Amino acid sequence: MTEVDRQTDEGWAEDRAAFTADTGGENWDRCEVNTRGPLASHFGALAKTLLEADSVHDAMTQVVEAARRIVPSADLVSITLRSADGRFHTPVATAEFAEELDEIQYRTGEGPCVEAARHDSPGHALTNSLARSTAFARFGPQAAEFGFGSLLAVTLLPGRGSDRLPGAINLYSRRAGAFTDDAVDHALILSAHASLALASTAAHTAAGLRESQLQQAIDSRDVIGQAKGILMNRRGISADDAFDILRRTSQELNVKLTQLARTLAERHQELDD
């Protein structure tokens, strides 16, 4: 655990005020920003790791891990990207379950992840009550059934001149009312760091990302889909119920969801013997 990881919430308000203070004027470099405060420390550490990132995937991994420190109310974090034809995908997440929650939004065409990724300028989409969301009437109740109360998504912008479409950083909380105005501010600053980092590394790693990380994400979703199909066929249940069985079983057996799904897909005939 690093010194940054050991920072507490103490002093966040004062540090935020100093961090965002007006530093205009010819003596701006003498502005007394508290560089030892938790907000400055977290973003300083993130900037250092992003400068050392040698691929888009590495940069995105650093971003989602940092997000849980910068916005402590987030239980799961994922990143949404869009392919050239506009399709959504999740190349990086702190847990596989975040990918499935993202997928529900991609399938229904609604949700904060989708909304934020459609912005062409800095912005965010937020619901602090997924169960009662009217803006996301199809996605919200499904996410609530899986035990999540709030979702904040901030726009991830491509570099100037890039042919990439905007994406999003997605922060899920199991608690309703989890994301305050400060959490939104911190997430927006995070998205600015992430956008710059991705733009600076995308040129020489885009091909590798498409061929490896994106393919890995697609393969994971495919095998989960196969396992869900097997359960749906054998038990006569819905896709959501099938996924819930897989999720609970993976937790009970302490086995990754993708690994469990692959085992079921490859060896389901043995269950008949």
Protein backbone atom coordinates (compact mmCIF):
# COMPACT_ATOMS: atom_id res chain seq x y z
CA MET A 1 0.00 0.00 0.00
CA THR A 2 1.39 3.42 -0.96
CA GLU A 3 1.21 6.70 0.91
CA VAL A 4 -1.44 7.82 -1.54
CA ASP A 5 -3.57 4.78 -0.71
CA ARG A 6 -3.35 5.61 3.00
CA GLN A 7 -4.78 9.13 2.57
CA THR A 8 -8.04 9.75 4.40
CA ASP A 9 -10.94 12.02 3.57
CA GLU A 10 -9.67 14.58 6.08
CA GLY A 11 -9.02 17.93 4.42
CA TRP A 12 -10.73 17.11 1.11
CA ALA A 13 -12.88 20.26 1.12
CA GLU A 14 -9.99 22.63 1.81
CA ASP A 15 -7.75 20.83 -0.64
CA ARG A 16 -10.39 20.96 -3.37
CA ALA A 17 -10.79 24.72 -2.90
CA ALA A 18 -7.04 25.23 -3.18
CA PHE A 19 -6.69 22.85 -6.08
CA THR A 20 -9.32 24.68 -8.14
CA ALA A 21 -8.33 28.18 -7.04
CA ASP A 22 -7.88 30.92 -9.64
CA THR A 23 -4.15 30.97 -10.36
CA GLY A 24 -4.27 33.68 -13.04
CA GLY A 25 -1.81 36.53 -13.18
CA GLU A 26 1.91 36.81 -13.68
CA ASN A 27 2.67 35.39 -10.23
CA TRP A 28 0.54 32.29 -10.67
CA ASP A 29 3.50 30.00 -10.03
CA ARG A 30 3.70 31.30 -6.45
CA CYS A 31 0.11 30.31 -5.65
CA GLU A 32 0.08 28.32 -2.39
CA VAL A 33 -1.80 25.21 -3.49
CA ASN A 34 -1.66 22.48 -0.87
CA THR A 35 0.38 19.90 -2.75
CA ARG A 36 0.28 17.60 0.28
CA GLY A 37 -3.51 17.39 0.38
CA PRO A 38 -5.29 14.16 -0.56
CA LEU A 39 -6.77 15.47 -3.82
CA ALA A 40 -3.44 16.81 -5.12
CA SER A 41 -1.66 13.65 -3.96
CA HIS A 42 -4.06 11.32 -5.74
CA PHE A 43 -3.95 13.24 -8.99
CA GLY A 44 -0.19 13.69 -8.75
CA ALA A 45 0.27 9.96 -8.35
CA LEU A 46 -2.12 9.30 -11.22
CA ALA A 47 -0.32 11.72 -13.52
CA LYS A 48 2.98 9.96 -12.80
CA THR A 49 1.60 6.50 -13.55
CA LEU A 50 -0.12 7.70 -16.72
CA LEU A 51 3.11 9.22 -17.99
CA GLU A 52 4.74 5.81 -17.54
CA ALA A 53 1.94 3.90 -19.30
CA ASP A 54 3.19 2.23 -22.47
CA SER A 55 -0.20 1.26 -23.94
CA VAL A 56 -3.81 2.39 -24.01
CA HIS A 57 -4.82 -0.66 -21.98
CA ASP A 58 -2.21 0.08 -19.33
CA ALA A 59 -3.41 3.70 -19.10
CA MET A 60 -7.05 2.63 -18.79
CA THR A 61 -6.17 0.13 -16.07
CA GLN A 62 -4.42 2.87 -14.09
CA VAL A 63 -7.46 5.13 -14.51
CA VAL A 64 -10.04 2.65 -13.17
CA GLU A 65 -7.84 1.74 -10.21
CA ALA A 66 -7.25 5.42 -9.40
CA ALA A 67 -10.97 6.18 -9.70
CA ARG A 68 -11.79 4.14 -6.61
CA ARG A 69 -9.33 6.22 -4.58
CA ILE A 70 -10.36 9.57 -6.04
CA VAL A 71 -14.10 8.80 -5.71
CA PRO A 72 -14.25 6.48 -2.66
CA SER A 73 -18.02 6.02 -2.94
CA ALA A 74 -17.52 4.01 -6.15
CA ASP A 75 -17.65 0.22 -5.65
CA LEU A 76 -17.08 -0.72 -9.30
CA VAL A 77 -15.44 1.21 -12.13
CA SER A 78 -15.37 0.53 -15.85
CA ILE A 79 -14.50 2.30 -19.07
CA THR A 80 -16.76 2.49 -22.09
CA LEU A 81 -15.24 2.90 -25.55
CA ARG A 82 -16.93 3.04 -28.94
CA SER A 83 -15.79 1.46 -32.17
CA ALA A 84 -15.78 3.35 -35.46
CA ASP A 85 -19.30 2.15 -36.27
CA GLY A 86 -20.61 3.47 -32.93
CA ARG A 87 -20.87 0.19 -31.07
CA PHE A 88 -20.13 0.26 -27.32
CA HIS A 89 -17.73 -2.06 -25.50
CA THR A 90 -16.00 -2.29 -22.12
CA PRO A 91 -12.28 -3.05 -22.46
CA VAL A 92 -11.38 -2.46 -18.79
CA ALA A 93 -13.26 -2.84 -15.49
CA THR A 94 -12.41 -3.43 -11.85
CA ALA A 95 -14.75 -6.46 -11.82
CA GLU A 96 -16.46 -8.59 -14.42
CA PHE A 97 -19.86 -7.69 -13.01
CA ALA A 98 -19.29 -4.07 -14.09
CA GLU A 99 -18.97 -5.31 -17.67
CA GLU A 100 -22.36 -7.02 -17.43
CA LEU A 101 -23.98 -3.86 -16.05
CA ASP A 102 -22.44 -1.91 -18.93
CA GLU A 103 -23.75 -4.51 -21.37
CA ILE A 104 -27.31 -4.04 -20.13
CA GLN A 105 -27.01 -0.36 -21.05
CA TYR A 106 -25.55 -1.16 -24.45
CA ARG A 107 -28.41 -3.59 -25.16
CA THR A 108 -31.17 -1.26 -23.98
CA GLY A 109 -29.56 1.84 -25.48
CA GLU A 110 -30.01 3.81 -22.27
CA GLY A 111 -28.12 4.55 -19.05
CA PRO A 112 -25.49 7.00 -17.78
CA CYS A 113 -22.65 5.11 -19.53
CA VAL A 114 -24.35 5.43 -22.91
CA GLU A 115 -25.46 9.01 -22.24
CA ALA A 116 -22.00 10.25 -21.23
CA ALA A 117 -20.32 8.49 -24.16
CA ARG A 118 -22.57 10.37 -26.56
CA HIS A 119 -21.32 13.78 -25.41
CA ASP A 120 -18.82 15.52 -27.68
CA SER A 121 -17.57 17.82 -24.91
CA PRO A 122 -16.75 17.39 -21.18
CA GLY A 123 -19.83 16.29 -19.28
CA HIS A 124 -21.42 13.68 -17.07
CA ALA A 125 -24.59 11.64 -16.58
CA LEU A 126 -25.77 10.73 -13.08
CA THR A 127 -28.54 8.90 -11.33
CA ASN A 128 -28.45 8.59 -7.55
CA SER A 129 -31.55 6.41 -7.48
CA LEU A 130 -31.33 3.61 -10.01
CA ALA A 131 -34.43 1.85 -8.67
CA ARG A 132 -36.61 4.92 -9.26
CA SER A 133 -34.94 6.33 -12.35
CA THR A 134 -37.39 7.72 -14.89
CA ALA A 135 -34.66 8.82 -17.31
CA PHE A 136 -33.35 5.24 -17.50
CA ALA A 137 -36.57 3.31 -16.92
CA ARG A 138 -35.37 0.02 -18.42
CA PHE A 139 -31.81 -0.05 -17.14
CA GLY A 140 -32.31 1.47 -13.68
CA PRO A 141 -34.55 -1.23 -12.18
CA GLN A 142 -32.35 -4.02 -13.57
CA ALA A 143 -29.25 -2.49 -11.97
CA ALA A 144 -31.16 -2.06 -8.71
CA GLU A 145 -32.12 -5.74 -8.74
CA PHE A 146 -28.41 -6.55 -8.81
CA GLY A 147 -27.90 -4.41 -5.70
CA PHE A 148 -26.73 -1.07 -7.10
CA GLY A 149 -28.16 2.30 -6.14
CA SER A 150 -26.18 4.96 -8.01
CA LEU A 151 -24.21 5.39 -11.23
CA LEU A 152 -22.04 8.30 -12.32
CA ALA A 153 -20.51 8.37 -15.81
CA VAL A 154 -18.15 11.07 -17.10
CA THR A 155 -17.27 11.64 -20.73
CA LEU A 156 -13.93 10.37 -22.00
CA LEU A 157 -12.89 12.52 -24.96
CA PRO A 158 -10.63 11.49 -27.87
CA GLY A 159 -7.65 13.62 -28.81
CA ARG A 160 -8.02 16.45 -31.27
CA GLY A 161 -8.00 15.11 -34.81
CA SER A 162 -8.59 11.55 -33.60
CA ASP A 163 -11.07 9.36 -35.46
CA ARG A 164 -12.13 7.76 -32.16
CA LEU A 165 -15.58 8.49 -30.76
CA PRO A 166 -16.10 9.71 -27.16
CA GLY A 167 -16.32 7.12 -24.39
CA ALA A 168 -17.00 7.22 -20.66
CA ILE A 169 -15.62 6.37 -17.23
CA ASN A 170 -18.37 4.65 -15.22
CA LEU A 171 -18.57 4.60 -11.43
CA TYR A 172 -21.10 2.29 -9.75
CA SER A 173 -22.14 2.43 -6.10
CA ARG A 174 -24.29 -0.02 -4.21
CA ARG A 175 -25.67 2.88 -2.16
CA ALA A 176 -28.41 5.24 -3.34
CA GLY A 177 -27.43 8.93 -3.17
CA ALA A 178 -23.74 8.01 -3.24
CA PHE A 179 -22.36 10.67 -5.57
CA THR A 180 -22.17 14.23 -4.23
CA ASP A 181 -21.28 17.38 -6.15
CA ASP A 182 -17.68 16.91 -5.00
CA ALA A 183 -17.65 13.36 -6.37
CA VAL A 184 -18.83 14.68 -9.73
CA ASP A 185 -16.10 17.36 -9.72
CA HIS A 186 -13.40 14.82 -8.90
CA ALA A 187 -14.66 12.44 -11.58
CA LEU A 188 -14.62 15.22 -14.18
CA ILE A 189 -11.01 16.07 -13.32
CA LEU A 190 -10.19 12.36 -13.56
CA SER A 191 -11.76 12.22 -17.02
CA ALA A 192 -9.58 15.12 -18.16
CA HIS A 193 -6.43 13.28 -17.03
CA ALA A 194 -7.63 10.07 -18.66
CA SER A 195 -8.54 11.77 -21.94
CA LEU A 196 -5.08 13.32 -22.23
CA ALA A 197 -3.37 10.03 -21.36
CA LEU A 198 -5.36 8.00 -23.86
CA ALA A 199 -4.80 10.56 -26.59
CA SER A 200 -1.04 10.49 -26.02
CA THR A 201 -0.75 6.68 -26.15
CA ALA A 202 -3.48 5.76 -28.63
CA ALA A 203 -1.48 6.28 -31.81
CA HIS A 204 1.04 3.48 -31.29
CA THR A 205 -1.16 1.02 -29.37
CA ALA A 206 -4.60 1.19 -31.03
CA ALA A 207 -3.93 -1.80 -33.27
CA GLY A 208 -2.66 -3.90 -30.37
CA LEU A 209 -5.67 -2.97 -28.25
CA ARG A 210 -8.10 -4.01 -30.96
CA GLU A 211 -6.35 -7.31 -31.52
CA SER A 212 -5.74 -8.32 -27.91
CA GLN A 213 -7.64 -6.52 -25.16
CA LEU A 214 -10.78 -5.83 -27.13
CA GLN A 215 -10.81 -9.40 -28.45
CA GLN A 216 -10.36 -10.68 -24.91
CA ALA A 217 -13.35 -8.62 -23.76
CA ILE A 218 -15.45 -9.86 -26.67
CA ASP A 219 -14.42 -13.47 -25.99
CA SER A 220 -15.40 -13.10 -22.32
CA ARG A 221 -18.84 -11.78 -23.21
CA ASP A 222 -19.30 -14.54 -25.79
CA VAL A 223 -18.52 -17.36 -23.38
CA ILE A 224 -20.78 -15.84 -20.71
CA GLY A 225 -23.51 -15.64 -23.34
CA GLN A 226 -23.01 -19.32 -24.20
CA ALA A 227 -23.27 -20.33 -20.55
CA LYS A 228 -26.39 -18.23 -20.09
CA GLY A 229 -27.91 -19.87 -23.16
CA ILE A 230 -27.24 -23.34 -21.76
CA LEU A 231 -28.93 -22.48 -18.46
CA MET A 232 -31.85 -20.79 -20.20
CA ASN A 233 -32.43 -23.86 -22.37
CA ARG A 234 -32.11 -26.41 -19.58
CA ARG A 235 -34.05 -24.57 -16.89
CA GLY A 236 -36.48 -22.53 -18.97
CA ILE A 237 -35.42 -19.27 -17.33
CA SER A 238 -34.75 -15.73 -18.55
CA ALA A 239 -31.35 -14.30 -19.51
CA ASP A 240 -31.25 -12.18 -16.34
CA ASP A 241 -32.04 -15.20 -14.13
CA ALA A 242 -29.36 -17.24 -15.90
CA PHE A 243 -26.76 -14.52 -15.31
CA ASP A 244 -27.80 -14.25 -11.66
CA ILE A 245 -27.18 -18.01 -11.21
CA LEU A 246 -23.73 -17.66 -12.79
CA ARG A 247 -22.89 -14.61 -10.66
CA ARG A 248 -23.97 -16.23 -7.38
CA THR A 249 -22.18 -19.49 -8.20
CA SER A 250 -18.94 -17.71 -9.08
CA GLN A 251 -19.06 -15.90 -5.74
CA GLU A 252 -19.85 -19.04 -3.76
CA LEU A 253 -17.06 -21.02 -5.45
CA ASN A 254 -14.66 -18.04 -5.51
CA VAL A 255 -14.13 -18.61 -9.24
CA LYS A 256 -14.02 -15.88 -11.86
CA LEU A 257 -17.27 -15.51 -13.76
CA THR A 258 -15.57 -15.97 -17.14
CA GLN A 259 -13.78 -19.13 -15.96
CA LEU A 260 -17.03 -20.61 -14.60
CA ALA A 261 -18.88 -19.78 -17.83
CA ARG A 262 -16.14 -21.32 -19.98
CA THR A 263 -16.18 -24.52 -17.92
CA LEU A 264 -19.94 -24.79 -18.26
CA ALA A 265 -19.83 -24.10 -22.00
CA GLU A 266 -17.08 -26.67 -22.62
CA ARG A 267 -18.25 -29.44 -20.29
CA HIS A 268 -22.03 -29.07 -20.10
CA GLN A 269 -22.55 -32.48 -21.75
CA GLU A 270 -20.89 -34.13 -18.76
CA LEU A 271 -23.76 -32.90 -16.60
CA ASP A 272 -26.05 -35.31 -18.47
CA ASP A 273 -23.91 -38.35 -17.71
